[in-house]
């Protein structure tokens, strides 16, 4: 009985070893398949990263141009603001000139009244011109 029991134990152990071998082969096959899938995924990701890098390289000059355009816009705005004040003063001078011309044509008693208004306009214009001169001097 000893030899039959030993033979039975050996067969059971052999069967267990064969099952373990079979299971290990299945695990190795799955591992190999997973490794292939990971390699394929890695290739897709590396292609995506290359695409992102290429897009980033393409966008970099546009970002530089955007920053340069923004700086230029700022400089133009700083330069135009005083010019707009000068144009406003030209409009005042033109208005004053029209008033002077209308007064030169008018010889009635309204001349004295209009000349007082003209003097007020002149003072306003002189005040604006002084402010404009100061702002232009501050710019330089």
N, C-alpha and C. Protein backbone atom coordinates (compact mmCIF):
# COMPACT_ATOMS: atom_id res chain seq x y z
N UNK A 1 0.80 -1.16 0.00
CA UNK A 1 0.00 0.00 0.00
C UNK A 1 0.86 1.24 0.00
N UNK A 2 1.97 1.09 0.53
CA UNK A 2 2.90 2.19 0.55
C UNK A 2 3.28 2.64 -0.86
N UNK A 3 3.54 1.67 -1.70
CA UNK A 3 3.94 2.01 -3.05
C UNK A 3 2.74 2.55 -3.82
N UNK A 4 1.55 2.06 -3.57
CA UNK A 4 0.35 2.56 -4.23
C UNK A 4 0.05 3.98 -3.75
N UNK A 5 0.23 4.21 -2.45
CA UNK A 5 -0.01 5.55 -1.90
C UNK A 5 1.03 6.51 -2.41
N UNK A 6 2.28 6.05 -2.51
CA UNK A 6 3.35 6.90 -3.01
C UNK A 6 3.11 7.20 -4.48
N UNK A 7 2.67 6.18 -5.23
CA UNK A 7 2.39 6.36 -6.63
C UNK A 7 1.22 7.35 -6.81
N UNK A 8 0.19 7.21 -5.93
CA UNK A 8 -0.96 8.12 -5.98
C UNK A 8 -0.51 9.54 -5.63
N UNK A 9 0.36 9.69 -4.60
CA UNK A 9 0.86 11.01 -4.22
C UNK A 9 1.71 11.61 -5.33
N UNK A 10 2.49 10.78 -6.00
CA UNK A 10 3.32 11.27 -7.09
C UNK A 10 2.47 11.72 -8.26
N UNK A 11 1.42 10.96 -8.54
CA UNK A 11 0.52 11.34 -9.64
C UNK A 11 -0.22 12.64 -9.31
N UNK A 12 -0.61 12.78 -8.06
CA UNK A 12 -1.30 14.01 -7.64
C UNK A 12 -0.35 15.20 -7.74
N UNK A 13 0.89 14.97 -7.29
CA UNK A 13 1.88 16.06 -7.37
C UNK A 13 2.18 16.38 -8.82
N UNK A 14 2.34 15.34 -9.65
CA UNK A 14 2.59 15.55 -11.06
C UNK A 14 1.42 16.29 -11.72
N UNK A 15 0.21 15.95 -11.37
CA UNK A 15 -0.97 16.62 -11.90
C UNK A 15 -1.00 18.09 -11.46
N UNK A 16 -0.67 18.32 -10.20
CA UNK A 16 -0.63 19.70 -9.70
C UNK A 16 0.46 20.50 -10.41
N UNK A 17 1.60 19.86 -10.63
CA UNK A 17 2.70 20.54 -11.33
C UNK A 17 2.31 20.84 -12.78
N UNK A 18 1.62 19.92 -13.43
CA UNK A 18 1.18 20.16 -14.81
C UNK A 18 0.14 21.30 -14.86
N UNK A 19 -0.76 21.33 -13.87
CA UNK A 19 -1.74 22.43 -13.80
C UNK A 19 -1.03 23.76 -13.55
N UNK A 20 -0.04 23.73 -12.66
CA UNK A 20 0.71 24.95 -12.38
C UNK A 20 1.45 25.41 -13.63
N UNK A 21 2.05 24.44 -14.37
CA UNK A 21 2.76 24.78 -15.60
C UNK A 21 1.78 25.38 -16.62
N UNK A 22 0.64 24.77 -16.73
CA UNK A 22 -0.37 25.27 -17.66
C UNK A 22 -0.81 26.69 -17.28
N UNK A 23 -1.03 26.89 -15.99
CA UNK A 23 -1.43 28.24 -15.52
C UNK A 23 -0.32 29.26 -15.77
N UNK A 24 0.94 28.85 -15.51
CA UNK A 24 2.07 29.76 -15.75
C UNK A 24 2.19 30.11 -17.23
N UNK A 25 1.98 29.12 -18.10
CA UNK A 25 2.02 29.39 -19.54
C UNK A 25 0.91 30.36 -19.95
N UNK A 26 -0.27 30.20 -19.35
CA UNK A 26 -1.39 31.12 -19.65
C UNK A 26 -1.06 32.53 -19.18
N UNK A 27 -0.46 32.63 -17.96
CA UNK A 27 -0.09 33.94 -17.43
C UNK A 27 0.99 34.57 -18.30
N UNK A 28 1.96 33.77 -18.74
CA UNK A 28 3.01 34.28 -19.63
C UNK A 28 2.43 34.74 -20.97
N UNK A 29 1.48 34.01 -21.50
CA UNK A 29 0.85 34.40 -22.77
C UNK A 29 0.09 35.72 -22.59
N UNK A 30 -0.65 35.85 -21.48
CA UNK A 30 -1.37 37.10 -21.21
C UNK A 30 -0.39 38.25 -21.02
N UNK A 31 0.70 37.99 -20.31
CA UNK A 31 1.72 39.02 -20.07
C UNK A 31 2.34 39.48 -21.38
N UNK A 32 2.59 38.53 -22.27
CA UNK A 32 3.15 38.86 -23.58
C UNK A 32 2.16 39.71 -24.38
N UNK A 33 0.89 39.36 -24.33
CA UNK A 33 -0.16 40.13 -25.03
C UNK A 33 -0.25 41.54 -24.46
N UNK A 34 -0.22 41.64 -23.12
CA UNK A 34 -0.26 42.97 -22.49
C UNK A 34 0.96 43.80 -22.88
N UNK A 35 2.11 43.15 -22.97
CA UNK A 35 3.33 43.85 -23.35
C UNK A 35 3.20 44.40 -24.78
N UNK A 36 2.63 43.62 -25.69
CA UNK A 36 2.40 44.09 -27.07
C UNK A 36 1.42 45.27 -27.08
N UNK A 37 0.36 45.15 -26.29
CA UNK A 37 -0.63 46.24 -26.23
C UNK A 37 -0.01 47.51 -25.66
N UNK A 38 0.82 47.37 -24.64
CA UNK A 38 1.49 48.54 -24.07
C UNK A 38 2.45 49.18 -25.07
N UNK A 39 3.14 48.35 -25.83
CA UNK A 39 4.06 48.87 -26.85
C UNK A 39 3.29 49.65 -27.91
N UNK A 40 2.15 49.10 -28.33
CA UNK A 40 1.32 49.80 -29.32
C UNK A 40 0.80 51.12 -28.75
N UNK A 41 0.36 51.10 -27.49
CA UNK A 41 -0.11 52.34 -26.84
C UNK A 41 1.01 53.35 -26.70
N UNK A 42 2.20 52.88 -26.41
CA UNK A 42 3.36 53.77 -26.29
C UNK A 42 3.65 54.45 -27.62
N UNK A 43 3.54 53.67 -28.72
CA UNK A 43 3.76 54.26 -30.05
C UNK A 43 2.73 55.35 -30.33
N UNK A 44 1.46 55.08 -29.98
CA UNK A 44 0.40 56.09 -30.21
C UNK A 44 0.67 57.34 -29.37
N UNK A 45 1.07 57.14 -28.11
CA UNK A 45 1.35 58.29 -27.24
C UNK A 45 2.55 59.08 -27.71
N UNK A 46 3.59 58.39 -28.16
CA UNK A 46 4.76 59.12 -28.63
C UNK A 46 4.43 59.92 -29.88
N UNK A 47 3.59 59.36 -30.75
CA UNK A 47 3.15 60.12 -31.92
C UNK A 47 2.36 61.35 -31.49
N UNK A 48 1.48 61.18 -30.49
CA UNK A 48 0.71 62.32 -29.98
C UNK A 48 1.62 63.37 -29.37
N UNK A 49 2.63 62.94 -28.64
CA UNK A 49 3.57 63.90 -28.04
C UNK A 49 4.36 64.63 -29.11
N UNK A 50 4.74 63.92 -30.17
CA UNK A 50 5.44 64.58 -31.27
C UNK A 50 4.53 65.62 -31.93
N UNK A 51 3.27 65.29 -32.07
CA UNK A 51 2.32 66.23 -32.66
C UNK A 51 2.16 67.47 -31.78
N UNK A 52 2.08 67.26 -30.47
CA UNK A 52 1.96 68.38 -29.54
C UNK A 52 3.21 69.25 -29.61
N UNK A 53 4.38 68.61 -29.67
CA UNK A 53 5.63 69.37 -29.75
C UNK A 53 5.69 70.19 -31.04
N UNK A 54 5.26 69.59 -32.14
CA UNK A 54 5.25 70.31 -33.42
C UNK A 54 4.28 71.48 -33.38
N UNK A 55 3.11 71.27 -32.78
CA UNK A 55 2.13 72.36 -32.67
C UNK A 55 2.67 73.47 -31.78
N UNK A 56 3.33 73.11 -30.72
CA UNK A 56 3.91 74.11 -29.82
C UNK A 56 4.98 74.92 -30.54
N UNK A 57 5.80 74.25 -31.34
CA UNK A 57 6.82 74.95 -32.12
C UNK A 57 6.19 75.88 -33.14
N UNK A 58 5.06 75.47 -33.70
CA UNK A 58 4.37 76.31 -34.69
C UNK A 58 3.71 77.52 -34.04
N UNK A 59 3.26 77.37 -32.81
CA UNK A 59 2.54 78.45 -32.13
C UNK A 59 3.51 79.48 -31.52
N UNK A 60 4.71 79.07 -31.20
CA UNK A 60 5.67 79.96 -30.53
C UNK A 60 5.89 81.28 -31.30
N UNK A 61 6.10 81.27 -32.62
CA UNK A 61 6.25 82.55 -33.32
C UNK A 61 4.99 83.41 -33.25
N UNK A 62 3.83 82.77 -33.26
CA UNK A 62 2.58 83.53 -33.17
C UNK A 62 2.46 84.21 -31.81
N UNK A 63 2.89 83.52 -30.76
CA UNK A 63 2.87 84.13 -29.44
C UNK A 63 3.80 85.33 -29.39
N UNK A 64 4.97 85.20 -30.00
CA UNK A 64 5.92 86.31 -30.04
C UNK A 64 5.33 87.49 -30.80
N UNK A 65 4.69 87.21 -31.92
CA UNK A 65 4.06 88.28 -32.70
C UNK A 65 2.93 88.93 -31.91
N UNK A 66 2.18 88.15 -31.17
CA UNK A 66 1.09 88.70 -30.36
C UNK A 66 1.64 89.66 -29.30
N UNK A 67 2.71 89.27 -28.65
CA UNK A 67 3.31 90.12 -27.62
C UNK A 67 3.85 91.40 -28.26
N UNK A 68 4.50 91.28 -29.42
CA UNK A 68 5.04 92.46 -30.11
C UNK A 68 3.90 93.39 -30.55
N UNK A 69 2.81 92.83 -31.05
CA UNK A 69 1.67 93.64 -31.48
C UNK A 69 1.04 94.36 -30.29
N UNK A 70 0.97 93.68 -29.17
CA UNK A 70 0.40 94.29 -27.97
C UNK A 70 1.27 95.46 -27.50
N UNK A 71 2.59 95.28 -27.53
CA UNK A 71 3.50 96.36 -27.14
C UNK A 71 3.38 97.53 -28.11
N UNK A 72 3.28 97.24 -29.40
CA UNK A 72 3.13 98.30 -30.40
C UNK A 72 1.81 99.05 -30.21
N UNK A 73 0.74 98.33 -29.93
CA UNK A 73 -0.55 98.96 -29.68
C UNK A 73 -0.47 99.91 -28.49
N UNK A 74 0.23 99.49 -27.47
CA UNK A 74 0.39 100.32 -26.28
C UNK A 74 1.17 101.59 -26.60
N UNK A 75 2.25 101.44 -27.39
CA UNK A 75 3.04 102.62 -27.77
C UNK A 75 2.22 103.58 -28.64
N UNK A 76 1.43 103.02 -29.54
CA UNK A 76 0.60 103.88 -30.41
C UNK A 76 -0.42 104.63 -29.57
N UNK A 77 -1.04 103.95 -28.62
CA UNK A 77 -2.03 104.61 -27.76
C UNK A 77 -1.39 105.73 -26.94
N UNK A 78 -0.17 105.50 -26.45
CA UNK A 78 0.51 106.54 -25.69
C UNK A 78 0.87 107.73 -26.57
N UNK A 79 1.16 107.47 -27.84
CA UNK A 79 1.51 108.55 -28.76
C UNK A 79 0.28 109.30 -29.26
N UNK A 80 -0.83 108.61 -29.41
CA UNK A 80 -2.03 109.21 -29.99
C UNK A 80 -2.77 110.08 -28.97
N UNK A 81 -2.73 109.73 -27.71
CA UNK A 81 -3.48 110.49 -26.70
C UNK A 81 -3.12 111.98 -26.70
N UNK A 82 -1.84 112.36 -26.65
CA UNK A 82 -1.52 113.79 -26.72
C UNK A 82 -1.91 114.40 -28.06
N UNK A 83 -1.81 113.63 -29.13
CA UNK A 83 -2.19 114.15 -30.45
C UNK A 83 -3.67 114.48 -30.50
N UNK A 84 -4.49 113.68 -29.82
CA UNK A 84 -5.92 113.98 -29.78
C UNK A 84 -6.18 115.30 -29.05
N UNK A 85 -5.41 115.55 -28.01
CA UNK A 85 -5.55 116.84 -27.31
C UNK A 85 -5.16 117.99 -28.23
N UNK A 86 -4.11 117.82 -29.01
CA UNK A 86 -3.70 118.86 -29.96
C UNK A 86 -4.80 119.09 -30.99
N UNK A 87 -5.41 118.01 -31.48
CA UNK A 87 -6.49 118.16 -32.45
C UNK A 87 -7.69 118.89 -31.84
N UNK A 88 -7.97 118.61 -30.58
CA UNK A 88 -9.05 119.33 -29.90
C UNK A 88 -8.73 120.82 -29.83
N UNK A 89 -7.47 121.12 -29.55
CA UNK A 89 -7.06 122.53 -29.50
C UNK A 89 -7.17 123.19 -30.88
N UNK A 90 -6.85 122.44 -31.94
CA UNK A 90 -7.03 122.98 -33.28
C UNK A 90 -8.49 123.30 -33.55
N UNK A 91 -9.38 122.46 -33.06
CA UNK A 91 -10.81 122.71 -33.23
C UNK A 91 -11.20 123.99 -32.49
N UNK A 92 -10.64 124.20 -31.31
CA UNK A 92 -10.92 125.44 -30.58
C UNK A 92 -10.40 126.66 -31.34
N UNK A 93 -9.21 126.54 -31.90
CA UNK A 93 -8.63 127.65 -32.67
C UNK A 93 -9.48 127.93 -33.89
N UNK A 94 -9.94 126.89 -34.55
CA UNK A 94 -10.80 127.09 -35.72
C UNK A 94 -12.09 127.80 -35.32
N UNK A 95 -12.65 127.40 -34.20
CA UNK A 95 -13.86 128.06 -33.71
C UNK A 95 -13.58 129.52 -33.40
N UNK A 96 -12.45 129.78 -32.77
CA UNK A 96 -12.07 131.15 -32.45
C UNK A 96 -11.88 131.96 -33.73
N UNK A 97 -11.27 131.35 -34.73
CA UNK A 97 -11.06 132.04 -36.00
C UNK A 97 -12.40 132.40 -36.66
N UNK A 98 -13.35 131.47 -36.61
CA UNK A 98 -14.66 131.76 -37.17
C UNK A 98 -15.32 132.92 -36.45
N UNK A 99 -15.18 132.92 -35.13
CA UNK A 99 -15.77 134.02 -34.35
C UNK A 99 -15.11 135.35 -34.69
N UNK A 100 -13.80 135.34 -34.85
CA UNK A 100 -13.11 136.57 -35.22
C UNK A 100 -13.57 137.09 -36.58
N UNK A 101 -13.74 136.17 -37.51
CA UNK A 101 -14.21 136.57 -38.84
C UNK A 101 -15.63 137.13 -38.77
N UNK A 102 -16.46 136.51 -37.97
CA UNK A 102 -17.83 137.01 -37.87
C UNK A 102 -17.84 138.37 -37.17
N UNK A 103 -16.94 138.58 -36.24
CA UNK A 103 -16.88 139.87 -35.55
C UNK A 103 -16.33 140.96 -36.46
N UNK A 104 -15.41 140.58 -37.33
CA UNK A 104 -14.85 141.60 -38.22
C UNK A 104 -15.89 142.08 -39.22
N UNK A 105 -16.86 141.23 -39.54
CA UNK A 105 -17.93 141.62 -40.44
C UNK A 105 -19.00 142.43 -39.72
N UNK A 106 -19.06 142.30 -38.40
CA UNK A 106 -20.12 142.93 -37.63
C UNK A 106 -19.62 144.27 -37.08
N UNK A 107 -20.24 145.37 -37.48
CA UNK A 107 -19.82 146.69 -36.98
C UNK A 107 -20.88 147.30 -36.08
N UNK A 108 -21.84 146.51 -35.68
CA UNK A 108 -22.92 147.04 -34.86
C UNK A 108 -22.49 147.07 -33.39
N UNK A 109 -23.44 147.37 -32.55
CA UNK A 109 -23.16 147.47 -31.11
C UNK A 109 -22.93 146.10 -30.49
N UNK A 110 -23.31 145.08 -31.20
CA UNK A 110 -23.07 143.74 -30.67
C UNK A 110 -21.59 143.41 -30.66
N UNK A 111 -20.79 144.22 -31.34
CA UNK A 111 -19.35 143.98 -31.42
C UNK A 111 -18.72 143.97 -30.02
N UNK A 112 -19.13 144.88 -29.20
CA UNK A 112 -18.56 144.96 -27.85
C UNK A 112 -18.91 143.71 -27.06
N UNK A 113 -20.16 143.31 -27.17
CA UNK A 113 -20.59 142.10 -26.45
C UNK A 113 -19.84 140.87 -26.95
N UNK A 114 -19.74 140.75 -28.29
CA UNK A 114 -19.06 139.60 -28.87
C UNK A 114 -17.58 139.64 -28.57
N UNK A 115 -16.99 140.80 -28.52
CA UNK A 115 -15.55 140.87 -28.24
C UNK A 115 -15.28 140.40 -26.81
N UNK A 116 -16.22 140.64 -25.90
CA UNK A 116 -16.06 140.11 -24.53
C UNK A 116 -16.11 138.59 -24.54
N UNK A 117 -17.04 138.05 -25.32
CA UNK A 117 -17.11 136.58 -25.44
C UNK A 117 -15.86 136.06 -26.14
N UNK A 118 -15.37 136.84 -27.11
CA UNK A 118 -14.17 136.45 -27.82
C UNK A 118 -12.97 136.41 -26.88
N UNK A 119 -12.90 137.40 -25.99
CA UNK A 119 -11.80 137.44 -25.03
C UNK A 119 -11.88 136.21 -24.11
N UNK A 120 -13.08 135.85 -23.68
CA UNK A 120 -13.25 134.65 -22.85
C UNK A 120 -12.79 133.40 -23.61
N UNK A 121 -13.16 133.33 -24.88
CA UNK A 121 -12.74 132.19 -25.70
C UNK A 121 -11.23 132.16 -25.85
N UNK A 122 -10.65 133.34 -26.04
CA UNK A 122 -9.20 133.42 -26.16
C UNK A 122 -8.51 132.93 -24.88
N UNK A 123 -9.03 133.33 -23.74
CA UNK A 123 -8.46 132.89 -22.46
C UNK A 123 -8.58 131.37 -22.31
N UNK A 124 -9.72 130.85 -22.69
CA UNK A 124 -9.92 129.40 -22.64
C UNK A 124 -8.93 128.68 -23.56
N UNK A 125 -8.76 129.21 -24.75
CA UNK A 125 -7.84 128.62 -25.71
C UNK A 125 -6.40 128.73 -25.21
N UNK A 126 -6.04 129.87 -24.66
CA UNK A 126 -4.68 130.06 -24.14
C UNK A 126 -4.41 129.09 -23.00
N UNK A 127 -5.39 128.90 -22.14
CA UNK A 127 -5.25 127.96 -21.03
C UNK A 127 -5.05 126.53 -21.55
N UNK A 128 -5.84 126.13 -22.55
CA UNK A 128 -5.71 124.80 -23.13
C UNK A 128 -4.35 124.63 -23.81
N UNK A 129 -3.92 125.67 -24.53
CA UNK A 129 -2.64 125.58 -25.21
C UNK A 129 -1.50 125.45 -24.19
N UNK A 130 -1.60 126.15 -23.08
CA UNK A 130 -0.56 126.03 -22.04
C UNK A 130 -0.52 124.62 -21.47
N UNK A 131 -1.68 124.06 -21.21
CA UNK A 131 -1.73 122.69 -20.69
C UNK A 131 -1.16 121.71 -21.71
N UNK A 132 -1.50 121.93 -22.98
CA UNK A 132 -1.02 121.04 -24.02
C UNK A 132 0.49 121.14 -24.14
N UNK A 133 1.01 122.32 -24.06
CA UNK A 133 2.46 122.51 -24.14
C UNK A 133 3.15 121.77 -23.00
N UNK A 134 2.58 121.88 -21.80
CA UNK A 134 3.17 121.18 -20.64
C UNK A 134 3.11 119.67 -20.85
N UNK A 135 2.00 119.15 -21.36
CA UNK A 135 1.90 117.70 -21.55
C UNK A 135 2.87 117.21 -22.62
N UNK A 136 3.06 117.99 -23.67
CA UNK A 136 4.01 117.61 -24.71
C UNK A 136 5.43 117.66 -24.17
N UNK A 137 5.73 118.66 -23.36
CA UNK A 137 7.07 118.74 -22.75
C UNK A 137 7.31 117.55 -21.82
N UNK A 138 6.29 117.11 -21.11
CA UNK A 138 6.45 115.96 -20.23
C UNK A 138 6.67 114.68 -21.02
N UNK A 139 6.12 114.60 -22.21
CA UNK A 139 6.31 113.41 -23.03
C UNK A 139 7.75 113.26 -23.48
N UNK A 140 8.40 114.38 -23.72
CA UNK A 140 9.79 114.31 -24.22
C UNK A 140 10.67 114.40 -23.03
